[in-house]
Amino acid sequence: MAYELFANAFPYTDLPHDDSLAPKICQGLRPNIDKLPIPQLLKNLIKKCWDSDPVKRPSAKELEKTINDWYLEVVYRKDTCFCQQYLGIREEYNTFSQTTPYQVPPTVNIHSKLINTKQIAQLFQESEEQAPELEIKKIEQEINQPLTGELKVLVSNFLQIYKKRERGSKEVTKKNIKELKEKLRAEKFEDKNIEKIIDYCSRLVKLEQEQLQAQVEINTNK
């Protein structure tokens, strides 16, 4: 929607809009917004919303605050980075939006239709099977350290146990957490990295809860 709004065009106009497109999007394909004449800070925000890692996406509250702050900066002509970017590109964007006709690829069916979800379901199944390995890679990026052998197994176990604790599982006790921490320390794993894993788990579970609450509110308002 963000791309369609600012580009005045359907996304992926250079690709056939058939059953092959959805799996590509699930695998990380995103519209190219780099050439759009909009503020760079806005491009960065849109890309964060498109991140395949839900932990890295901004929450609805964060989006509301950021966009509202930008709006006030422009209205009151504040000397901020966003306002400067907006004023510097405003005329170019106005010309672009007024002279660019709305583009709909000929292969697009704008009416509702059945989608073959078998390939998408298979992709999600593969993603779930790969999830623990992908999570380890994210942690490696967080702590800037490769994980191998016994340490990799311990970190993976700690991730699963701590996420259960954050979700309120009564199966996980303080003793379980303490024992895993001691095993990690025995492998020369630093406390600051343990804290980074804890922070990662807390952010992930918080995001899950926010998404669940948003879904409940949507269903309640129907």
N, C-alpha and C. Protein backbone atom coordinates (compact mmCIF):
# COMPACT_ATOMS: atom_id res chain seq x y z
N MET A 1 0.83 -1.20 0.00
CA MET A 1 0.00 0.00 0.00
C MET A 1 0.86 1.26 0.00
N ALA A 2 1.96 1.22 0.77
CA ALA A 2 2.83 2.40 0.81
C ALA A 2 3.42 2.67 -0.56
N TYR A 3 3.85 1.61 -1.23
CA TYR A 3 4.43 1.78 -2.57
C TYR A 3 3.37 2.31 -3.53
N GLU A 4 2.18 1.73 -3.51
CA GLU A 4 1.12 2.14 -4.42
C GLU A 4 0.74 3.61 -4.19
N LEU A 5 0.74 4.02 -2.92
CA LEU A 5 0.38 5.40 -2.57
C LEU A 5 1.39 6.40 -3.13
N PHE A 6 2.67 6.13 -2.92
CA PHE A 6 3.71 7.10 -3.31
C PHE A 6 4.19 6.95 -4.75
N ALA A 7 4.10 5.75 -5.31
CA ALA A 7 4.56 5.53 -6.69
C ALA A 7 3.45 5.71 -7.70
N ASN A 8 2.21 5.78 -7.22
CA ASN A 8 1.06 5.88 -8.12
C ASN A 8 1.03 4.72 -9.11
N ALA A 9 1.36 3.55 -8.59
CA ALA A 9 1.42 2.36 -9.44
C ALA A 9 1.28 1.10 -8.61
N PHE A 10 0.80 0.05 -9.25
CA PHE A 10 0.79 -1.26 -8.62
C PHE A 10 2.24 -1.68 -8.37
N PRO A 11 2.53 -2.38 -7.28
CA PRO A 11 3.89 -2.90 -7.11
C PRO A 11 4.16 -4.05 -8.08
N TYR A 12 5.42 -4.26 -8.37
CA TYR A 12 5.87 -5.36 -9.22
C TYR A 12 5.29 -5.30 -10.63
N THR A 13 5.32 -4.11 -11.22
CA THR A 13 4.79 -3.96 -12.58
C THR A 13 5.62 -4.71 -13.61
N ASP A 14 6.86 -5.05 -13.26
CA ASP A 14 7.73 -5.75 -14.20
C ASP A 14 7.66 -7.26 -14.07
N LEU A 15 6.76 -7.75 -13.18
CA LEU A 15 6.64 -9.19 -12.97
C LEU A 15 5.22 -9.65 -13.25
N PRO A 16 5.06 -10.89 -13.72
CA PRO A 16 3.70 -11.41 -13.91
C PRO A 16 2.99 -11.58 -12.58
N HIS A 17 1.76 -11.11 -12.48
CA HIS A 17 1.00 -11.23 -11.24
C HIS A 17 0.22 -12.55 -11.28
N ASP A 18 0.95 -13.63 -11.06
CA ASP A 18 0.35 -14.96 -11.06
C ASP A 18 0.73 -15.69 -9.78
N ASP A 19 0.53 -17.00 -9.77
CA ASP A 19 0.79 -17.77 -8.55
C ASP A 19 2.26 -17.80 -8.14
N SER A 20 3.14 -17.37 -9.04
CA SER A 20 4.57 -17.40 -8.71
C SER A 20 5.01 -16.18 -7.91
N LEU A 21 4.15 -15.14 -7.86
CA LEU A 21 4.55 -13.89 -7.21
C LEU A 21 4.52 -13.99 -5.68
N ALA A 22 3.45 -14.57 -5.14
CA ALA A 22 3.30 -14.64 -3.68
C ALA A 22 4.48 -15.34 -3.00
N PRO A 23 4.95 -16.50 -3.50
CA PRO A 23 6.11 -17.13 -2.85
C PRO A 23 7.35 -16.25 -2.89
N LYS A 24 7.53 -15.48 -3.98
CA LYS A 24 8.69 -14.59 -4.07
C LYS A 24 8.62 -13.51 -2.98
N ILE A 25 7.41 -12.99 -2.74
CA ILE A 25 7.24 -11.98 -1.69
C ILE A 25 7.53 -12.59 -0.33
N CYS A 26 7.07 -13.82 -0.11
CA CYS A 26 7.33 -14.51 1.16
C CYS A 26 8.83 -14.73 1.36
N GLN A 27 9.56 -14.86 0.26
CA GLN A 27 11.00 -15.11 0.33
C GLN A 27 11.81 -13.81 0.42
N GLY A 28 11.11 -12.66 0.41
CA GLY A 28 11.83 -11.40 0.64
C GLY A 28 11.76 -10.38 -0.47
N LEU A 29 11.09 -10.68 -1.57
CA LEU A 29 10.97 -9.70 -2.66
C LEU A 29 10.15 -8.49 -2.18
N ARG A 30 10.67 -7.29 -2.43
CA ARG A 30 9.98 -6.06 -2.06
C ARG A 30 10.01 -5.07 -3.22
N PRO A 31 9.03 -4.16 -3.29
CA PRO A 31 9.05 -3.14 -4.35
C PRO A 31 10.28 -2.24 -4.20
N ASN A 32 10.74 -1.71 -5.30
CA ASN A 32 11.90 -0.82 -5.30
C ASN A 32 11.43 0.63 -5.11
N ILE A 33 11.72 1.19 -3.94
CA ILE A 33 11.29 2.57 -3.67
C ILE A 33 12.46 3.55 -3.71
N ASP A 34 13.65 3.05 -4.03
CA ASP A 34 14.84 3.91 -3.97
C ASP A 34 14.77 5.09 -4.93
N LYS A 35 14.10 4.90 -6.08
CA LYS A 35 14.06 5.97 -7.08
C LYS A 35 12.85 6.90 -6.91
N LEU A 36 11.99 6.61 -5.95
CA LEU A 36 10.83 7.48 -5.74
C LEU A 36 11.26 8.81 -5.11
N PRO A 37 10.70 9.92 -5.56
CA PRO A 37 11.09 11.24 -5.01
C PRO A 37 10.37 11.53 -3.69
N ILE A 38 10.73 10.78 -2.66
CA ILE A 38 10.17 11.00 -1.33
C ILE A 38 11.35 11.08 -0.35
N PRO A 39 11.15 11.68 0.83
CA PRO A 39 12.25 11.82 1.79
C PRO A 39 12.92 10.48 2.12
N GLN A 40 14.22 10.49 2.26
CA GLN A 40 14.96 9.26 2.55
C GLN A 40 14.53 8.65 3.88
N LEU A 41 14.22 9.49 4.86
CA LEU A 41 13.77 8.97 6.15
C LEU A 41 12.46 8.20 5.99
N LEU A 42 11.60 8.65 5.10
CA LEU A 42 10.35 7.94 4.84
C LEU A 42 10.62 6.61 4.15
N LYS A 43 11.56 6.60 3.21
CA LYS A 43 11.95 5.34 2.56
C LYS A 43 12.46 4.35 3.59
N ASN A 44 13.30 4.83 4.49
CA ASN A 44 13.87 3.96 5.52
C ASN A 44 12.77 3.37 6.41
N LEU A 45 11.77 4.19 6.73
CA LEU A 45 10.68 3.72 7.58
C LEU A 45 9.86 2.66 6.86
N ILE A 46 9.57 2.89 5.60
CA ILE A 46 8.79 1.91 4.82
C ILE A 46 9.54 0.59 4.74
N LYS A 47 10.85 0.65 4.52
CA LYS A 47 11.65 -0.57 4.43
C LYS A 47 11.65 -1.32 5.77
N LYS A 48 11.65 -0.58 6.87
CA LYS A 48 11.60 -1.23 8.18
C LYS A 48 10.26 -1.97 8.34
N CYS A 49 9.19 -1.37 7.85
CA CYS A 49 7.88 -2.02 7.92
C CYS A 49 7.83 -3.28 7.07
N TRP A 50 8.64 -3.32 6.03
CA TRP A 50 8.69 -4.47 5.13
C TRP A 50 9.69 -5.53 5.58
N ASP A 51 10.39 -5.32 6.68
CA ASP A 51 11.44 -6.25 7.09
C ASP A 51 10.87 -7.64 7.34
N SER A 52 11.56 -8.66 6.86
CA SER A 52 11.10 -10.03 7.04
C SER A 52 11.17 -10.47 8.50
N ASP A 53 11.99 -9.77 9.29
CA ASP A 53 12.11 -10.07 10.72
C ASP A 53 11.11 -9.20 11.48
N PRO A 54 10.06 -9.78 12.06
CA PRO A 54 9.04 -8.98 12.74
C PRO A 54 9.59 -8.15 13.90
N VAL A 55 10.68 -8.61 14.51
CA VAL A 55 11.26 -7.87 15.63
C VAL A 55 11.78 -6.51 15.18
N LYS A 56 12.20 -6.42 13.93
CA LYS A 56 12.79 -5.19 13.41
C LYS A 56 11.74 -4.22 12.86
N ARG A 57 10.49 -4.66 12.77
CA ARG A 57 9.44 -3.76 12.27
C ARG A 57 8.95 -2.85 13.39
N PRO A 58 8.63 -1.60 13.08
CA PRO A 58 8.09 -0.70 14.10
C PRO A 58 6.67 -1.10 14.48
N SER A 59 6.30 -0.84 15.72
CA SER A 59 4.94 -1.12 16.16
C SER A 59 4.00 -0.02 15.64
N ALA A 60 2.70 -0.25 15.77
CA ALA A 60 1.72 0.75 15.33
C ALA A 60 1.89 2.05 16.10
N LYS A 61 2.20 1.95 17.39
CA LYS A 61 2.39 3.16 18.21
C LYS A 61 3.62 3.93 17.76
N GLU A 62 4.69 3.20 17.44
CA GLU A 62 5.91 3.85 16.97
C GLU A 62 5.67 4.56 15.64
N LEU A 63 4.91 3.91 14.77
CA LEU A 63 4.59 4.52 13.47
C LEU A 63 3.77 5.80 13.66
N GLU A 64 2.77 5.70 14.51
CA GLU A 64 1.91 6.86 14.75
C GLU A 64 2.72 8.04 15.27
N LYS A 65 3.61 7.77 16.22
CA LYS A 65 4.42 8.85 16.80
C LYS A 65 5.37 9.45 15.76
N THR A 66 6.04 8.59 15.00
CA THR A 66 7.00 9.08 14.01
C THR A 66 6.33 9.94 12.96
N ILE A 67 5.22 9.43 12.40
CA ILE A 67 4.52 10.16 11.34
C ILE A 67 3.93 11.46 11.87
N ASN A 68 3.38 11.42 13.08
CA ASN A 68 2.82 12.64 13.67
C ASN A 68 3.91 13.67 13.93
N ASP A 69 5.07 13.22 14.39
CA ASP A 69 6.21 14.13 14.62
C ASP A 69 6.64 14.78 13.31
N TRP A 70 6.73 13.97 12.25
CA TRP A 70 7.12 14.50 10.94
C TRP A 70 6.10 15.53 10.44
N TYR A 71 4.83 15.23 10.64
CA TYR A 71 3.77 16.14 10.20
C TYR A 71 3.92 17.50 10.89
N LEU A 72 4.14 17.49 12.20
CA LEU A 72 4.28 18.74 12.95
C LEU A 72 5.55 19.49 12.55
N GLU A 73 6.61 18.74 12.26
CA GLU A 73 7.86 19.37 11.82
C GLU A 73 7.64 20.14 10.51
N VAL A 74 6.86 19.56 9.60
CA VAL A 74 6.60 20.20 8.31
C VAL A 74 5.66 21.39 8.48
N VAL A 75 4.60 21.20 9.27
CA VAL A 75 3.61 22.27 9.48
C VAL A 75 4.27 23.51 10.07
N TYR A 76 5.15 23.30 11.05
CA TYR A 76 5.78 24.43 11.74
C TYR A 76 7.18 24.75 11.21
N ARG A 77 7.52 24.11 10.07
CA ARG A 77 8.80 24.38 9.40
C ARG A 77 9.98 24.30 10.38
N LYS A 78 10.01 23.23 11.15
CA LYS A 78 11.11 23.07 12.10
C LYS A 78 12.40 22.70 11.36
N ASP A 79 13.49 23.08 11.95
CA ASP A 79 14.80 22.81 11.34
C ASP A 79 15.24 21.39 11.70
N THR A 80 14.57 20.42 11.09
CA THR A 80 14.88 19.01 11.36
C THR A 80 15.28 18.33 10.06
N CYS A 81 15.87 17.16 10.20
CA CYS A 81 16.33 16.41 9.03
C CYS A 81 15.16 16.07 8.11
N PHE A 82 14.04 15.60 8.68
CA PHE A 82 12.91 15.22 7.84
C PHE A 82 12.33 16.43 7.11
N CYS A 83 12.16 17.54 7.83
CA CYS A 83 11.58 18.73 7.21
C CYS A 83 12.46 19.23 6.07
N GLN A 84 13.76 19.18 6.26
CA GLN A 84 14.69 19.60 5.20
C GLN A 84 14.58 18.68 3.99
N GLN A 85 14.48 17.38 4.25
CA GLN A 85 14.33 16.43 3.14
C GLN A 85 13.01 16.67 2.41
N TYR A 86 11.96 16.90 3.17
CA TYR A 86 10.64 17.14 2.57
C TYR A 86 10.63 18.39 1.70
N LEU A 87 11.15 19.49 2.24
CA LEU A 87 11.16 20.74 1.48
C LEU A 87 12.05 20.63 0.25
N GLY A 88 13.14 19.87 0.37
CA GLY A 88 14.07 19.74 -0.75
C GLY A 88 13.52 18.93 -1.90
N ILE A 89 12.51 18.08 -1.62
CA ILE A 89 12.01 17.18 -2.65
C ILE A 89 10.55 17.44 -2.98
N ARG A 90 9.93 18.40 -2.30
CA ARG A 90 8.49 18.63 -2.44
C ARG A 90 8.08 18.93 -3.87
N GLU A 91 8.77 19.86 -4.53
CA GLU A 91 8.40 20.24 -5.90
C GLU A 91 8.57 19.07 -6.87
N GLU A 92 9.65 18.33 -6.68
CA GLU A 92 9.89 17.17 -7.55
C GLU A 92 8.78 16.15 -7.40
N TYR A 93 8.37 15.91 -6.15
CA TYR A 93 7.31 14.91 -5.94
C TYR A 93 5.98 15.41 -6.49
N ASN A 94 5.68 16.69 -6.30
CA ASN A 94 4.42 17.23 -6.83
C ASN A 94 4.36 17.06 -8.35
N THR A 95 5.47 17.34 -9.01
CA THR A 95 5.52 17.16 -10.47
C THR A 95 5.36 15.69 -10.84
N PHE A 96 6.05 14.84 -10.10
CA PHE A 96 5.98 13.39 -10.34
C PHE A 96 4.55 12.88 -10.18
N SER A 97 3.88 13.26 -9.09
CA SER A 97 2.54 12.74 -8.81
C SER A 97 1.50 13.26 -9.80
N GLN A 98 1.73 14.48 -10.33
CA GLN A 98 0.77 15.07 -11.26
C GLN A 98 0.96 14.61 -12.70
N THR A 99 2.15 14.13 -13.01
CA THR A 99 2.44 13.74 -14.39
C THR A 99 2.60 12.23 -14.59
N THR A 100 2.50 11.47 -13.50
CA THR A 100 2.65 10.02 -13.61
C THR A 100 1.27 9.35 -13.57
N PRO A 101 0.83 8.81 -14.70
CA PRO A 101 -0.47 8.14 -14.71
C PRO A 101 -0.43 6.85 -13.88
N TYR A 102 -1.57 6.52 -13.30
CA TYR A 102 -1.63 5.31 -12.49
C TYR A 102 -1.39 4.09 -13.37
N GLN A 103 -0.45 3.24 -12.93
CA GLN A 103 -0.06 2.08 -13.74
C GLN A 103 -0.57 0.78 -13.12
N VAL A 104 -1.27 0.02 -13.97
CA VAL A 104 -1.73 -1.31 -13.57
C VAL A 104 -1.23 -2.30 -14.62
N PRO A 105 -0.41 -3.27 -14.23
CA PRO A 105 0.10 -4.24 -15.20
C PRO A 105 -1.04 -4.99 -15.88
N PRO A 106 -0.92 -5.30 -17.17
CA PRO A 106 -1.99 -6.01 -17.88
C PRO A 106 -2.30 -7.38 -17.31
N THR A 107 -1.34 -7.97 -16.58
CA THR A 107 -1.55 -9.31 -16.02
C THR A 107 -2.28 -9.29 -14.68
N VAL A 108 -2.56 -8.07 -14.17
CA VAL A 108 -3.20 -7.97 -12.86
C VAL A 108 -4.70 -8.12 -12.98
N ASN A 109 -5.25 -8.98 -12.13
CA ASN A 109 -6.70 -9.14 -12.02
C ASN A 109 -7.13 -8.37 -10.79
N ILE A 110 -7.83 -7.26 -10.97
CA ILE A 110 -8.19 -6.40 -9.83
C ILE A 110 -9.42 -6.92 -9.08
N HIS A 111 -9.99 -8.01 -9.58
CA HIS A 111 -11.14 -8.60 -8.90
C HIS A 111 -10.68 -9.78 -8.03
N SER A 112 -11.49 -10.12 -7.04
CA SER A 112 -11.14 -11.23 -6.16
C SER A 112 -11.07 -12.53 -6.95
N LYS A 113 -10.11 -13.37 -6.56
CA LYS A 113 -10.00 -14.68 -7.21
C LYS A 113 -9.37 -15.67 -6.23
N LEU A 114 -9.55 -16.94 -6.52
CA LEU A 114 -8.95 -17.97 -5.69
C LEU A 114 -7.44 -17.99 -5.91
N ILE A 115 -6.72 -18.20 -4.84
CA ILE A 115 -5.26 -18.27 -4.92
C ILE A 115 -4.82 -19.68 -4.56
N ASN A 116 -3.96 -20.23 -5.36
CA ASN A 116 -3.40 -21.54 -5.06
C ASN A 116 -2.40 -21.40 -3.92
N THR A 117 -2.81 -21.80 -2.73
CA THR A 117 -1.97 -21.57 -1.55
C THR A 117 -1.04 -22.75 -1.24
N LYS A 118 -1.08 -23.79 -2.06
CA LYS A 118 -0.26 -24.98 -1.77
C LYS A 118 1.23 -24.63 -1.71
N GLN A 119 1.68 -23.85 -2.70
CA GLN A 119 3.10 -23.49 -2.75
C GLN A 119 3.47 -22.57 -1.59
N ILE A 120 2.56 -21.65 -1.25
CA ILE A 120 2.81 -20.73 -0.14
C ILE A 120 2.86 -21.51 1.18
N ALA A 121 1.91 -22.45 1.36
CA ALA A 121 1.89 -23.27 2.57
C ALA A 121 3.18 -24.08 2.70
N GLN A 122 3.65 -24.61 1.57
CA GLN A 122 4.89 -25.38 1.59
C GLN A 122 6.07 -24.49 1.99
N LEU A 123 6.05 -23.26 1.48
CA LEU A 123 7.11 -22.32 1.80
C LEU A 123 7.12 -21.99 3.29
N PHE A 124 5.92 -21.79 3.86
CA PHE A 124 5.84 -21.50 5.29
C PHE A 124 6.29 -22.69 6.12
N GLN A 125 5.97 -23.90 5.67
CA GLN A 125 6.40 -25.09 6.38
C GLN A 125 7.93 -25.19 6.38
N GLU A 126 8.52 -24.90 5.22
CA GLU A 126 9.98 -24.90 5.13
C GLU A 126 10.57 -23.82 6.02
N SER A 127 9.89 -22.67 6.08
CA SER A 127 10.38 -21.57 6.92
C SER A 127 10.36 -21.94 8.39
N GLU A 128 9.29 -22.64 8.81
CA GLU A 128 9.21 -23.06 10.20
C GLU A 128 10.31 -24.05 10.55
N GLU A 129 10.61 -24.93 9.59
CA GLU A 129 11.68 -25.91 9.83
C GLU A 129 13.03 -25.22 9.91
N GLN A 130 13.17 -24.11 9.17
CA GLN A 130 14.44 -23.39 9.15
C GLN A 130 14.52 -22.33 10.25
N ALA A 131 13.40 -22.09 10.96
CA ALA A 131 13.32 -21.00 11.93
C ALA A 131 14.41 -21.03 12.98
N PRO A 132 14.68 -22.18 13.63
CA PRO A 132 15.73 -22.17 14.66
C PRO A 132 17.09 -21.74 14.10
N GLU A 133 17.42 -22.19 12.90
CA GLU A 133 18.70 -21.82 12.31
C GLU A 133 18.74 -20.34 11.97
N LEU A 134 17.62 -19.82 11.46
CA LEU A 134 17.54 -18.40 11.13
C LEU A 134 17.64 -17.55 12.41
N GLU A 135 17.04 -18.05 13.48
CA GLU A 135 17.08 -17.32 14.75
C GLU A 135 18.51 -17.25 15.28
N ILE A 136 19.23 -18.34 15.13
CA ILE A 136 20.64 -18.35 15.56
C ILE A 136 21.43 -17.31 14.76
N LYS A 137 21.15 -17.20 13.47
CA LYS A 137 21.85 -16.22 12.63
C LYS A 137 21.55 -14.80 13.09
N LYS A 138 20.29 -14.56 13.51
CA LYS A 138 19.92 -13.23 14.02
C LYS A 138 20.68 -12.92 15.31
N ILE A 139 20.79 -13.94 16.16
CA ILE A 139 21.52 -13.75 17.42
C ILE A 139 23.00 -13.50 17.14
N GLU A 140 23.56 -14.20 16.17
CA GLU A 140 24.96 -13.98 15.80
C GLU A 140 25.18 -12.53 15.38
N GLN A 141 24.20 -11.97 14.67
CA GLN A 141 24.28 -10.56 14.27
C GLN A 141 24.16 -9.65 15.48
N GLU A 142 23.27 -10.01 16.41
CA GLU A 142 23.05 -9.19 17.61
C GLU A 142 24.33 -9.11 18.47
N ILE A 143 25.01 -10.26 18.60
CA ILE A 143 26.16 -10.31 19.50
C ILE A 143 27.49 -10.19 18.75
N ASN A 144 27.39 -10.16 17.40
CA ASN A 144 28.59 -10.04 16.57
C ASN A 144 29.60 -11.15 16.88
N GLN A 145 29.09 -12.38 16.90
CA GLN A 145 29.93 -13.53 17.23
C GLN A 145 29.35 -14.79 16.59
N PRO A 146 30.16 -15.57 15.88
CA PRO A 146 29.66 -16.83 15.32
C PRO A 146 29.43 -17.86 16.42
N LEU A 147 28.41 -18.70 16.23
CA LEU A 147 28.09 -19.73 17.21
C LEU A 147 28.25 -21.11 16.57
N THR A 148 29.02 -21.96 17.21
CA THR A 148 29.25 -23.30 16.68
C THR A 148 29.23 -24.33 17.81
N GLY A 149 29.11 -25.60 17.43
CA GLY A 149 29.23 -26.69 18.38
C GLY A 149 28.29 -26.61 19.57
N GLU A 150 28.82 -26.91 20.74
CA GLU A 150 28.04 -26.96 21.97
C GLU A 150 27.46 -25.60 22.33
N LEU A 151 28.20 -24.53 22.05
CA LEU A 151 27.72 -23.18 22.36
C LEU A 151 26.47 -22.86 21.54
N LYS A 152 26.46 -23.26 20.29
CA LYS A 152 25.30 -23.03 19.42
C LYS A 152 24.07 -23.75 19.96
N VAL A 153 24.26 -24.99 20.42
CA VAL A 153 23.15 -25.76 20.98
C VAL A 153 22.63 -25.10 22.25
N LEU A 154 23.54 -24.66 23.11
CA LEU A 154 23.15 -24.02 24.37
C LEU A 154 22.38 -22.72 24.12
N VAL A 155 22.87 -21.92 23.17
CA VAL A 155 22.19 -20.65 22.86
C VAL A 155 20.79 -20.93 22.31
N SER A 156 20.68 -21.93 21.44
CA SER A 156 19.38 -22.29 20.87
C SER A 156 18.42 -22.73 21.98
N ASN A 157 18.91 -23.54 22.91
CA ASN A 157 18.08 -23.98 24.04
C ASN A 157 17.67 -22.80 24.92
N PHE A 158 18.61 -21.89 25.16
CA PHE A 158 18.32 -20.72 25.99
C PHE A 158 17.24 -19.85 25.33
N LEU A 159 17.34 -19.70 24.01
CA LEU A 159 16.34 -18.92 23.27
C LEU A 159 14.94 -19.49 23.47
N GLN A 160 14.80 -20.80 23.27
CA GLN A 160 13.48 -21.43 23.36
C GLN A 160 12.94 -21.36 24.79
N ILE A 161 13.81 -21.62 25.77
CA ILE A 161 13.38 -21.59 27.17
C ILE A 161 12.97 -20.18 27.60
N TYR A 162 13.78 -19.17 27.20
CA TYR A 162 13.49 -17.81 27.66
C TYR A 162 12.23 -17.26 26.98
N LYS A 163 12.00 -17.64 25.73
CA LYS A 163 10.77 -17.21 25.06
C LYS A 163 9.54 -17.80 25.77
N LYS A 164 9.67 -19.04 26.19
CA LYS A 164 8.56 -19.66 26.94
C LYS A 164 8.31 -18.90 28.24
N ARG A 165 9.41 -18.51 28.91
CA ARG A 165 9.28 -17.76 30.17
C ARG A 165 8.59 -16.43 29.93
N GLU A 166 8.98 -15.73 28.85
CA GLU A 166 8.39 -14.43 28.54
C GLU A 166 6.91 -14.57 28.19
N ARG A 167 6.53 -15.73 27.65
CA ARG A 167 5.12 -15.96 27.30
C ARG A 167 4.30 -16.42 28.49
N GLY A 168 4.97 -16.54 29.64
CA GLY A 168 4.25 -16.87 30.87
C GLY A 168 4.13 -18.34 31.17
N SER A 169 4.96 -19.17 30.54
CA SER A 169 4.90 -20.61 30.78
C SER A 169 5.31 -20.94 32.21
N LYS A 170 4.49 -21.76 32.87
CA LYS A 170 4.79 -22.17 34.24
C LYS A 170 5.78 -23.33 34.27
N GLU A 171 6.07 -23.89 33.08
CA GLU A 171 7.02 -25.00 33.02
C GLU A 171 8.46 -24.52 33.23
N VAL A 172 8.68 -23.23 32.93
CA VAL A 172 10.03 -22.68 33.03
C VAL A 172 10.21 -22.01 34.39
N THR A 173 11.23 -22.42 35.11
CA THR A 173 11.50 -21.85 36.43
C THR A 173 12.79 -21.02 36.39
N LYS A 174 12.99 -20.24 37.44
CA LYS A 174 14.23 -19.45 37.55
C LYS A 174 15.44 -20.38 37.58
N LYS A 175 15.22 -21.56 38.14
CA LYS A 175 16.31 -22.53 38.22
C LYS A 175 16.74 -22.97 36.82
N ASN A 176 15.76 -23.19 35.92
CA ASN A 176 16.07 -23.58 34.54
C ASN A 176 16.93 -22.51 33.86
N ILE A 177 16.53 -21.25 34.04
CA ILE A 177 17.26 -20.14 33.43
C ILE A 177 18.67 -20.04 34.00
N LYS A 178 18.76 -20.18 35.33
CA LYS A 178 20.06 -20.07 36.00
C LYS A 178 21.01 -21.17 35.52
N GLU A 179 20.51 -22.38 35.39
CA GLU A 179 21.34 -23.50 34.95
C GLU A 179 21.87 -23.28 33.54
N LEU A 180 21.00 -22.78 32.66
CA LEU A 180 21.43 -22.52 31.28
C LEU A 180 22.46 -21.40 31.23
N LYS A 181 22.25 -20.38 32.04
CA LYS A 181 23.23 -19.29 32.09
C LYS A 181 24.60 -19.80 32.53
N GLU A 182 24.60 -20.67 33.53
CA GLU A 182 25.87 -21.22 34.03
C GLU A 182 26.57 -22.05 32.96
N LYS A 183 25.78 -22.80 32.18
CA LYS A 183 26.36 -23.60 31.11
C LYS A 183 26.95 -22.70 30.02
N LEU A 184 26.25 -21.59 29.74
CA LEU A 184 26.76 -20.64 28.74
C LEU A 184 28.06 -20.00 29.22
N ARG A 185 28.09 -19.63 30.49
CA ARG A 185 29.32 -19.03 31.05
C ARG A 185 30.48 -20.02 31.03
N ALA A 186 30.16 -21.31 31.23
CA ALA A 186 31.20 -22.33 31.19
C ALA A 186 31.82 -22.45 29.81
N GLU A 187 31.05 -22.03 28.79
CA GLU A 187 31.56 -22.03 27.42
C GLU A 187 32.17 -20.67 27.05
N LYS A 188 32.47 -19.87 28.07
CA LYS A 188 33.09 -18.55 27.89
C LYS A 188 32.17 -17.56 27.16
N PHE A 189 30.86 -17.75 27.33
CA PHE A 189 29.88 -16.85 26.72
C PHE A 189 29.65 -15.68 27.68
N GLU A 190 29.88 -14.47 27.20
CA GLU A 190 29.86 -13.29 28.08
C GLU A 190 28.45 -12.93 28.54
N ASP A 191 28.37 -12.38 29.76
CA ASP A 191 27.08 -11.97 30.32
C ASP A 191 26.39 -10.93 29.46
N LYS A 192 27.17 -10.02 28.85
CA LYS A 192 26.55 -8.97 28.03
C LYS A 192 25.83 -9.58 26.83
N ASN A 193 26.34 -10.71 26.33
CA ASN A 193 25.68 -11.38 25.21
C ASN A 193 24.44 -12.14 25.66
N ILE A 194 24.50 -12.67 26.89
CA ILE A 194 23.30 -13.30 27.45
C ILE A 194 22.19 -12.25 27.57
N GLU A 195 22.55 -11.05 28.00
CA GLU A 195 21.56 -9.97 28.14
C GLU A 195 20.98 -9.57 26.78
N LYS A 196 21.80 -9.64 25.76
CA LYS A 196 21.31 -9.33 24.41
C LYS A 196 20.29 -10.36 23.94
N ILE A 197 20.52 -11.62 24.27
CA ILE A 197 19.57 -12.67 23.93
C ILE A 197 18.26 -12.46 24.69
N ILE A 198 18.37 -12.12 25.97
CA ILE A 198 17.18 -11.86 26.79
C ILE A 198 16.38 -10.69 26.21
N ASP A 199 17.09 -9.63 25.80
CA ASP A 199 16.43 -8.47 25.20
C ASP A 199 15.74 -8.84 23.89
N TYR A 200 16.40 -9.68 23.10
CA TYR A 200 15.83 -10.14 21.82
C TYR A 200 14.53 -10.90 22.08
N CYS A 201 14.55 -11.83 23.04
CA CYS A 201 13.37 -12.62 23.37
C CYS A 201 12.24 -11.72 23.87
N SER A 202 12.56 -10.75 24.70
CA SER A 202 11.55 -9.84 25.25
C SER A 202 10.90 -9.02 24.13
N ARG A 203 11.72 -8.53 23.20
CA ARG A 203 11.18 -7.74 22.08
C ARG A 203 10.29 -8.60 21.19
N LEU A 204 10.72 -9.83 20.94
CA LEU A 204 9.95 -10.72 20.07
C LEU A 204 8.60 -11.06 20.67
N VAL A 205 8.59 -11.42 21.95
CA VAL A 205 7.34 -11.79 22.61
C VAL A 205 6.42 -10.57 22.74
N LYS A 206 6.98 -9.40 23.01
CA LYS A 206 6.18 -8.19 23.10
C LYS A 206 5.50 -7.90 21.77
N LEU A 207 6.24 -8.09 20.68
CA LEU A 207 5.67 -7.88 19.35
C LEU A 207 4.54 -8.87 19.09
N GLU A 208 4.74 -10.13 19.47
CA GLU A 208 3.69 -11.15 19.30
C GLU A 208 2.43 -10.73 20.04
N GLN A 209 2.59 -10.23 21.25
CA GLN A 209 1.44 -9.82 22.07
C GLN A 209 0.72 -8.62 21.45
N GLU A 210 1.49 -7.67 20.91
CA GLU A 210 0.88 -6.50 20.26
C GLU A 210 0.10 -6.91 19.03
N GLN A 211 0.64 -7.84 18.25
CA GLN A 211 -0.05 -8.31 17.05
C GLN A 211 -1.32 -9.05 17.42
N LEU A 212 -1.25 -9.87 18.49
CA LEU A 212 -2.43 -10.59 18.95
C LEU A 212 -3.50 -9.64 19.43
N GLN A 213 -3.10 -8.60 20.18
CA GLN A 213 -4.05 -7.62 20.68
C GLN A 213 -4.70 -6.85 19.53
N ALA A 214 -3.89 -6.52 18.53
CA ALA A 214 -4.44 -5.81 17.36
C ALA A 214 -5.45 -6.66 16.62
N GLN A 215 -5.18 -7.97 16.53
CA GLN A 215 -6.12 -8.87 15.86
C GLN A 215 -7.42 -9.00 16.65
N VAL A 216 -7.29 -9.03 17.98
CA VAL A 216 -8.49 -9.10 18.84
C VAL A 216 -9.35 -7.86 18.64
N GLU A 217 -8.69 -6.68 18.58
CA GLU A 217 -9.42 -5.43 18.40
C GLU A 217 -10.11 -5.38 17.05
N ILE A 218 -9.45 -5.91 16.01
CA ILE A 218 -10.05 -5.94 14.67
C ILE A 218 -11.30 -6.82 14.68
N ASN A 219 -11.17 -8.01 15.29
CA ASN A 219 -12.31 -8.94 15.33
C ASN A 219 -13.46 -8.38 16.16
N THR A 220 -13.13 -7.65 17.23
CA THR A 220 -14.16 -7.06 18.10
C THR A 220 -14.93 -5.96 17.38
N ASN A 221 -14.23 -5.22 16.52
CA ASN A 221 -14.85 -4.09 15.82
C ASN A 221 -15.60 -4.48 14.57
N LYS A 222 -15.53 -5.76 14.17
CA LYS A 222 -16.22 -6.17 12.95
C LYS A 222 -17.73 -6.13 13.15
